[in-house]
C-alpha cells in the first residue's frame, strides 16, 4: 500500500503508520476549512434590530482584536462572532482553533 500525504514530507511519511497519516491529513484539512469559514461571514438578520439581510459595514476592532460590524439600518455595532461560542472569550477565533 502506497502511503501519501499532501502535507507531509517523505521522511515523516516513512516514520508514521497509514492511519496516523490519514488522521493528520484530516486534521489539517479541518483547520484549513475552519480558517476559510472564519474569513467570511454572512448574517441573515441583524443581531440588534432583526432587519432581514442587513447592510453591514466594517466598524473597527474590539479590544480583544475581533472585527466589529455596523448595521446601516439601526447604526448599532456588534462583534463578528456575536452569538457564537467564542463571543465572550477575549481571544480571537484562530487562537481558539489551535489550542
N, C-alpha and C. Protein backbone atom coordinates (compact mmCIF):
# COMPACT_ATOMS: atom_id res chain seq x y z
N UNK A 1 0.85 -1.19 0.00
CA UNK A 1 0.00 0.00 0.00
C UNK A 1 0.89 1.24 0.00
N UNK A 2 0.63 2.15 -0.91
CA UNK A 2 1.39 3.39 -1.02
C UNK A 2 0.82 4.41 -0.04
N UNK A 3 1.70 4.97 0.77
CA UNK A 3 1.28 5.98 1.75
C UNK A 3 1.71 7.35 1.23
N UNK A 4 0.71 8.22 1.03
CA UNK A 4 1.00 9.57 0.54
C UNK A 4 0.24 10.59 1.37
N UNK A 5 0.71 11.81 1.31
CA UNK A 5 0.07 12.91 2.02
C UNK A 5 0.33 14.20 1.25
N UNK A 6 -0.65 15.08 1.26
CA UNK A 6 -0.48 16.38 0.62
C UNK A 6 0.35 17.32 1.49
N UNK A 7 0.45 17.03 2.80
CA UNK A 7 1.02 17.98 3.72
C UNK A 7 2.34 17.52 4.35
N UNK A 8 2.66 16.23 4.30
CA UNK A 8 3.85 15.70 4.96
C UNK A 8 4.94 15.37 3.95
N UNK A 9 6.19 15.50 4.39
CA UNK A 9 7.30 15.13 3.51
C UNK A 9 7.55 13.61 3.59
N UNK A 10 8.37 13.10 2.73
CA UNK A 10 8.58 11.66 2.61
C UNK A 10 9.21 11.05 3.86
N UNK A 11 10.11 11.75 4.53
CA UNK A 11 10.73 11.23 5.75
C UNK A 11 9.69 11.03 6.86
N UNK A 12 8.80 12.00 6.99
CA UNK A 12 7.76 11.90 8.00
C UNK A 12 6.78 10.78 7.66
N UNK A 13 6.43 10.65 6.40
CA UNK A 13 5.52 9.58 5.96
C UNK A 13 6.13 8.21 6.26
N UNK A 14 7.43 8.07 6.06
CA UNK A 14 8.09 6.79 6.30
C UNK A 14 8.07 6.42 7.78
N UNK A 15 8.05 7.40 8.68
CA UNK A 15 8.09 7.14 10.12
C UNK A 15 6.71 6.90 10.73
N UNK A 16 5.63 7.16 10.00
CA UNK A 16 4.27 7.05 10.54
C UNK A 16 3.51 5.87 9.93
N UNK A 17 2.48 5.43 10.65
CA UNK A 17 1.57 4.41 10.13
C UNK A 17 0.52 5.07 9.25
N UNK A 18 -0.16 4.26 8.44
CA UNK A 18 -1.16 4.79 7.49
C UNK A 18 -2.28 5.54 8.20
N UNK A 19 -2.79 4.99 9.31
CA UNK A 19 -3.90 5.66 9.99
C UNK A 19 -3.47 7.00 10.58
N UNK A 20 -2.19 7.11 10.99
CA UNK A 20 -1.69 8.37 11.53
C UNK A 20 -1.60 9.43 10.43
N UNK A 21 -1.16 9.02 9.25
CA UNK A 21 -1.07 9.94 8.12
C UNK A 21 -2.45 10.43 7.73
N UNK A 22 -3.42 9.51 7.68
CA UNK A 22 -4.80 9.90 7.33
C UNK A 22 -5.37 10.87 8.36
N UNK A 23 -5.09 10.60 9.65
CA UNK A 23 -5.60 11.48 10.70
C UNK A 23 -4.99 12.88 10.61
N UNK A 24 -3.70 12.96 10.36
CA UNK A 24 -3.03 14.26 10.23
C UNK A 24 -3.58 15.02 9.03
N UNK A 25 -3.76 14.35 7.90
CA UNK A 25 -4.34 15.00 6.72
C UNK A 25 -5.75 15.51 7.00
N UNK A 26 -6.54 14.71 7.71
CA UNK A 26 -7.91 15.11 8.05
C UNK A 26 -7.90 16.34 8.96
N UNK A 27 -7.02 16.33 9.98
CA UNK A 27 -6.93 17.46 10.91
C UNK A 27 -6.52 18.75 10.18
N UNK A 28 -5.51 18.65 9.33
CA UNK A 28 -5.06 19.84 8.60
C UNK A 28 -6.16 20.36 7.69
N UNK A 29 -6.86 19.46 7.01
CA UNK A 29 -7.97 19.87 6.14
C UNK A 29 -9.07 20.55 6.95
N UNK A 30 -9.37 20.02 8.14
CA UNK A 30 -10.38 20.64 9.00
C UNK A 30 -9.95 22.03 9.45
N UNK A 31 -8.67 22.20 9.81
CA UNK A 31 -8.18 23.52 10.20
C UNK A 31 -8.27 24.52 9.05
N UNK A 32 -7.91 24.08 7.86
CA UNK A 32 -7.98 24.96 6.70
C UNK A 32 -9.43 25.35 6.39
N UNK A 33 -10.35 24.40 6.50
CA UNK A 33 -11.77 24.70 6.29
C UNK A 33 -12.28 25.70 7.33
N UNK A 34 -11.88 25.50 8.59
CA UNK A 34 -12.28 26.42 9.66
C UNK A 34 -11.76 27.82 9.38
N UNK A 35 -10.50 27.93 8.96
CA UNK A 35 -9.93 29.25 8.65
C UNK A 35 -10.66 29.92 7.50
N UNK A 36 -11.03 29.16 6.47
CA UNK A 36 -11.76 29.73 5.34
C UNK A 36 -13.14 30.22 5.77
N UNK A 37 -13.81 29.47 6.65
CA UNK A 37 -15.13 29.88 7.12
C UNK A 37 -15.04 31.12 7.99
N UNK A 38 -13.95 31.25 8.78
CA UNK A 38 -13.81 32.42 9.65
C UNK A 38 -13.48 33.67 8.87
N UNK A 39 -12.90 33.53 7.69
CA UNK A 39 -12.56 34.70 6.89
C UNK A 39 -13.78 35.31 6.23
N UNK A 40 -14.85 34.56 6.12
CA UNK A 40 -16.08 35.08 5.52
C UNK A 40 -17.20 35.01 6.56
N UNK A 41 -18.11 35.94 6.52
CA UNK A 41 -19.22 35.94 7.45
C UNK A 41 -20.47 36.40 6.70
N UNK A 42 -21.58 35.87 7.12
CA UNK A 42 -22.86 36.22 6.50
C UNK A 42 -23.92 36.21 7.59
N UNK A 43 -24.65 37.29 7.71
CA UNK A 43 -25.72 37.37 8.69
C UNK A 43 -27.04 37.48 7.94
N UNK A 44 -27.94 36.55 8.21
CA UNK A 44 -29.28 36.57 7.63
C UNK A 44 -30.08 37.73 8.22
N UNK A 45 -29.93 37.95 9.53
CA UNK A 45 -30.64 39.01 10.25
C UNK A 45 -29.64 39.83 11.05
N UNK A 46 -29.95 41.10 11.26
CA UNK A 46 -29.14 41.92 12.15
C UNK A 46 -29.35 41.41 13.57
N UNK A 47 -28.29 41.26 14.33
CA UNK A 47 -28.40 40.73 15.68
C UNK A 47 -28.97 41.75 16.66
N UNK A 48 -29.01 43.01 16.28
CA UNK A 48 -29.52 44.06 17.18
C UNK A 48 -30.96 44.46 16.86
N UNK A 49 -31.28 44.71 15.57
CA UNK A 49 -32.62 45.20 15.23
C UNK A 49 -33.49 44.15 14.54
N UNK A 50 -32.88 43.05 14.09
CA UNK A 50 -33.66 41.99 13.45
C UNK A 50 -33.95 42.22 11.98
N UNK A 51 -33.33 43.20 11.36
CA UNK A 51 -33.55 43.51 9.95
C UNK A 51 -33.12 42.31 9.08
N UNK A 52 -33.94 41.95 8.12
CA UNK A 52 -33.64 40.84 7.22
C UNK A 52 -32.62 41.30 6.17
N UNK A 53 -31.56 40.53 5.97
CA UNK A 53 -30.44 40.85 5.07
C UNK A 53 -29.94 42.28 5.30
N UNK A 54 -29.35 42.51 6.47
CA UNK A 54 -28.88 43.87 6.79
C UNK A 54 -27.69 44.28 5.94
N UNK A 55 -27.54 45.57 5.75
CA UNK A 55 -26.35 46.11 5.09
C UNK A 55 -25.33 46.34 6.20
N UNK A 56 -24.27 45.57 6.21
CA UNK A 56 -23.26 45.65 7.25
C UNK A 56 -21.97 46.23 6.69
N UNK A 57 -21.33 47.06 7.50
CA UNK A 57 -20.03 47.59 7.11
C UNK A 57 -19.05 47.31 8.26
N UNK A 58 -17.78 47.22 7.94
CA UNK A 58 -16.76 47.04 8.97
C UNK A 58 -16.69 48.31 9.79
N UNK A 59 -16.52 48.13 11.11
CA UNK A 59 -16.56 49.28 12.00
C UNK A 59 -15.48 49.18 13.07
N UNK A 60 -14.27 48.92 12.66
CA UNK A 60 -13.16 48.88 13.61
C UNK A 60 -13.01 47.52 14.27
N UNK A 61 -12.26 47.52 15.38
CA UNK A 61 -11.99 46.30 16.11
C UNK A 61 -12.32 46.49 17.57
N UNK A 62 -12.74 45.42 18.23
CA UNK A 62 -12.98 45.44 19.67
C UNK A 62 -11.63 45.38 20.39
N UNK A 63 -11.63 45.57 21.71
CA UNK A 63 -10.40 45.50 22.49
C UNK A 63 -9.74 44.13 22.39
N UNK A 64 -10.52 43.11 22.14
CA UNK A 64 -9.98 41.76 22.02
C UNK A 64 -9.37 41.50 20.64
N UNK A 65 -9.50 42.46 19.73
CA UNK A 65 -8.94 42.31 18.40
C UNK A 65 -9.92 41.76 17.39
N UNK A 66 -11.16 41.51 17.81
CA UNK A 66 -12.18 40.95 16.91
C UNK A 66 -12.77 42.05 16.03
N UNK A 67 -13.13 41.69 14.81
CA UNK A 67 -13.72 42.63 13.86
C UNK A 67 -15.11 43.05 14.34
N UNK A 68 -15.37 44.35 14.31
CA UNK A 68 -16.69 44.89 14.64
C UNK A 68 -17.42 45.21 13.34
N UNK A 69 -18.74 45.02 13.33
CA UNK A 69 -19.58 45.36 12.19
C UNK A 69 -20.64 46.36 12.64
N UNK A 70 -21.09 47.20 11.71
CA UNK A 70 -22.16 48.17 11.99
C UNK A 70 -23.30 47.91 11.02
N UNK A 71 -24.51 47.79 11.57
CA UNK A 71 -25.71 47.64 10.75
C UNK A 71 -26.11 49.04 10.25
N UNK A 72 -26.30 49.20 8.96
CA UNK A 72 -26.68 50.50 8.40
C UNK A 72 -28.14 50.84 8.65
N UNK A 73 -28.94 49.86 9.07
CA UNK A 73 -30.36 50.12 9.36
C UNK A 73 -30.54 50.74 10.75
N UNK A 74 -29.88 50.15 11.77
CA UNK A 74 -30.07 50.64 13.13
C UNK A 74 -28.83 51.36 13.67
N UNK A 75 -27.72 51.36 12.91
CA UNK A 75 -26.46 52.02 13.28
C UNK A 75 -25.83 51.45 14.55
N UNK A 76 -26.17 50.23 14.93
CA UNK A 76 -25.57 49.62 16.10
C UNK A 76 -24.43 48.72 15.68
N UNK A 77 -23.43 48.60 16.58
CA UNK A 77 -22.25 47.79 16.30
C UNK A 77 -22.30 46.47 17.06
N UNK A 78 -21.69 45.45 16.49
CA UNK A 78 -21.54 44.18 17.18
C UNK A 78 -20.33 43.45 16.63
N UNK A 79 -19.86 42.48 17.40
CA UNK A 79 -18.67 41.71 17.04
C UNK A 79 -19.07 40.62 16.06
N UNK A 80 -18.16 40.28 15.15
CA UNK A 80 -18.42 39.29 14.11
C UNK A 80 -18.89 37.97 14.70
N UNK A 81 -18.33 37.51 15.82
CA UNK A 81 -18.70 36.21 16.37
C UNK A 81 -19.80 36.30 17.43
N UNK A 82 -20.60 37.36 17.37
CA UNK A 82 -21.72 37.54 18.30
C UNK A 82 -22.67 36.34 18.20
N UNK A 83 -23.01 35.76 19.34
CA UNK A 83 -23.91 34.61 19.36
C UNK A 83 -23.21 33.28 19.15
N UNK A 84 -21.90 33.26 19.07
CA UNK A 84 -21.16 32.02 18.90
C UNK A 84 -20.40 31.69 20.17
N UNK A 85 -19.80 30.51 20.20
CA UNK A 85 -19.09 30.04 21.38
C UNK A 85 -17.95 30.97 21.78
N UNK A 86 -17.30 31.59 20.82
CA UNK A 86 -16.14 32.44 21.11
C UNK A 86 -16.52 33.87 21.47
N UNK A 87 -17.80 34.19 21.56
CA UNK A 87 -18.24 35.57 21.77
C UNK A 87 -17.69 36.17 23.05
N UNK A 88 -17.81 35.48 24.19
CA UNK A 88 -17.39 36.05 25.47
C UNK A 88 -15.91 35.87 25.75
N UNK A 89 -15.20 35.15 24.91
CA UNK A 89 -13.77 34.99 25.14
C UNK A 89 -13.04 36.24 24.69
N UNK A 90 -11.90 36.45 25.24
CA UNK A 90 -11.09 37.61 24.87
C UNK A 90 -9.97 37.21 23.93
N UNK A 91 -10.15 36.06 23.27
CA UNK A 91 -9.19 35.60 22.29
C UNK A 91 -9.88 35.52 20.95
N UNK A 92 -9.12 35.69 19.89
CA UNK A 92 -9.72 35.58 18.57
C UNK A 92 -9.96 34.12 18.22
N UNK A 93 -10.73 33.88 17.17
CA UNK A 93 -11.12 32.54 16.79
C UNK A 93 -9.94 31.68 16.37
N UNK A 94 -8.94 32.27 15.75
CA UNK A 94 -7.78 31.49 15.32
C UNK A 94 -7.03 30.92 16.51
N UNK A 95 -6.89 31.69 17.58
CA UNK A 95 -6.20 31.20 18.77
C UNK A 95 -6.95 30.02 19.38
N UNK A 96 -8.29 30.09 19.41
CA UNK A 96 -9.07 29.01 19.99
C UNK A 96 -9.03 27.76 19.11
N UNK A 97 -8.91 27.93 17.81
CA UNK A 97 -8.88 26.78 16.91
C UNK A 97 -7.58 26.00 17.06
N UNK A 98 -6.51 26.63 17.46
CA UNK A 98 -5.22 25.96 17.54
C UNK A 98 -4.90 25.44 18.93
N UNK A 99 -5.76 25.67 19.91
CA UNK A 99 -5.49 25.19 21.27
C UNK A 99 -5.98 23.78 21.45
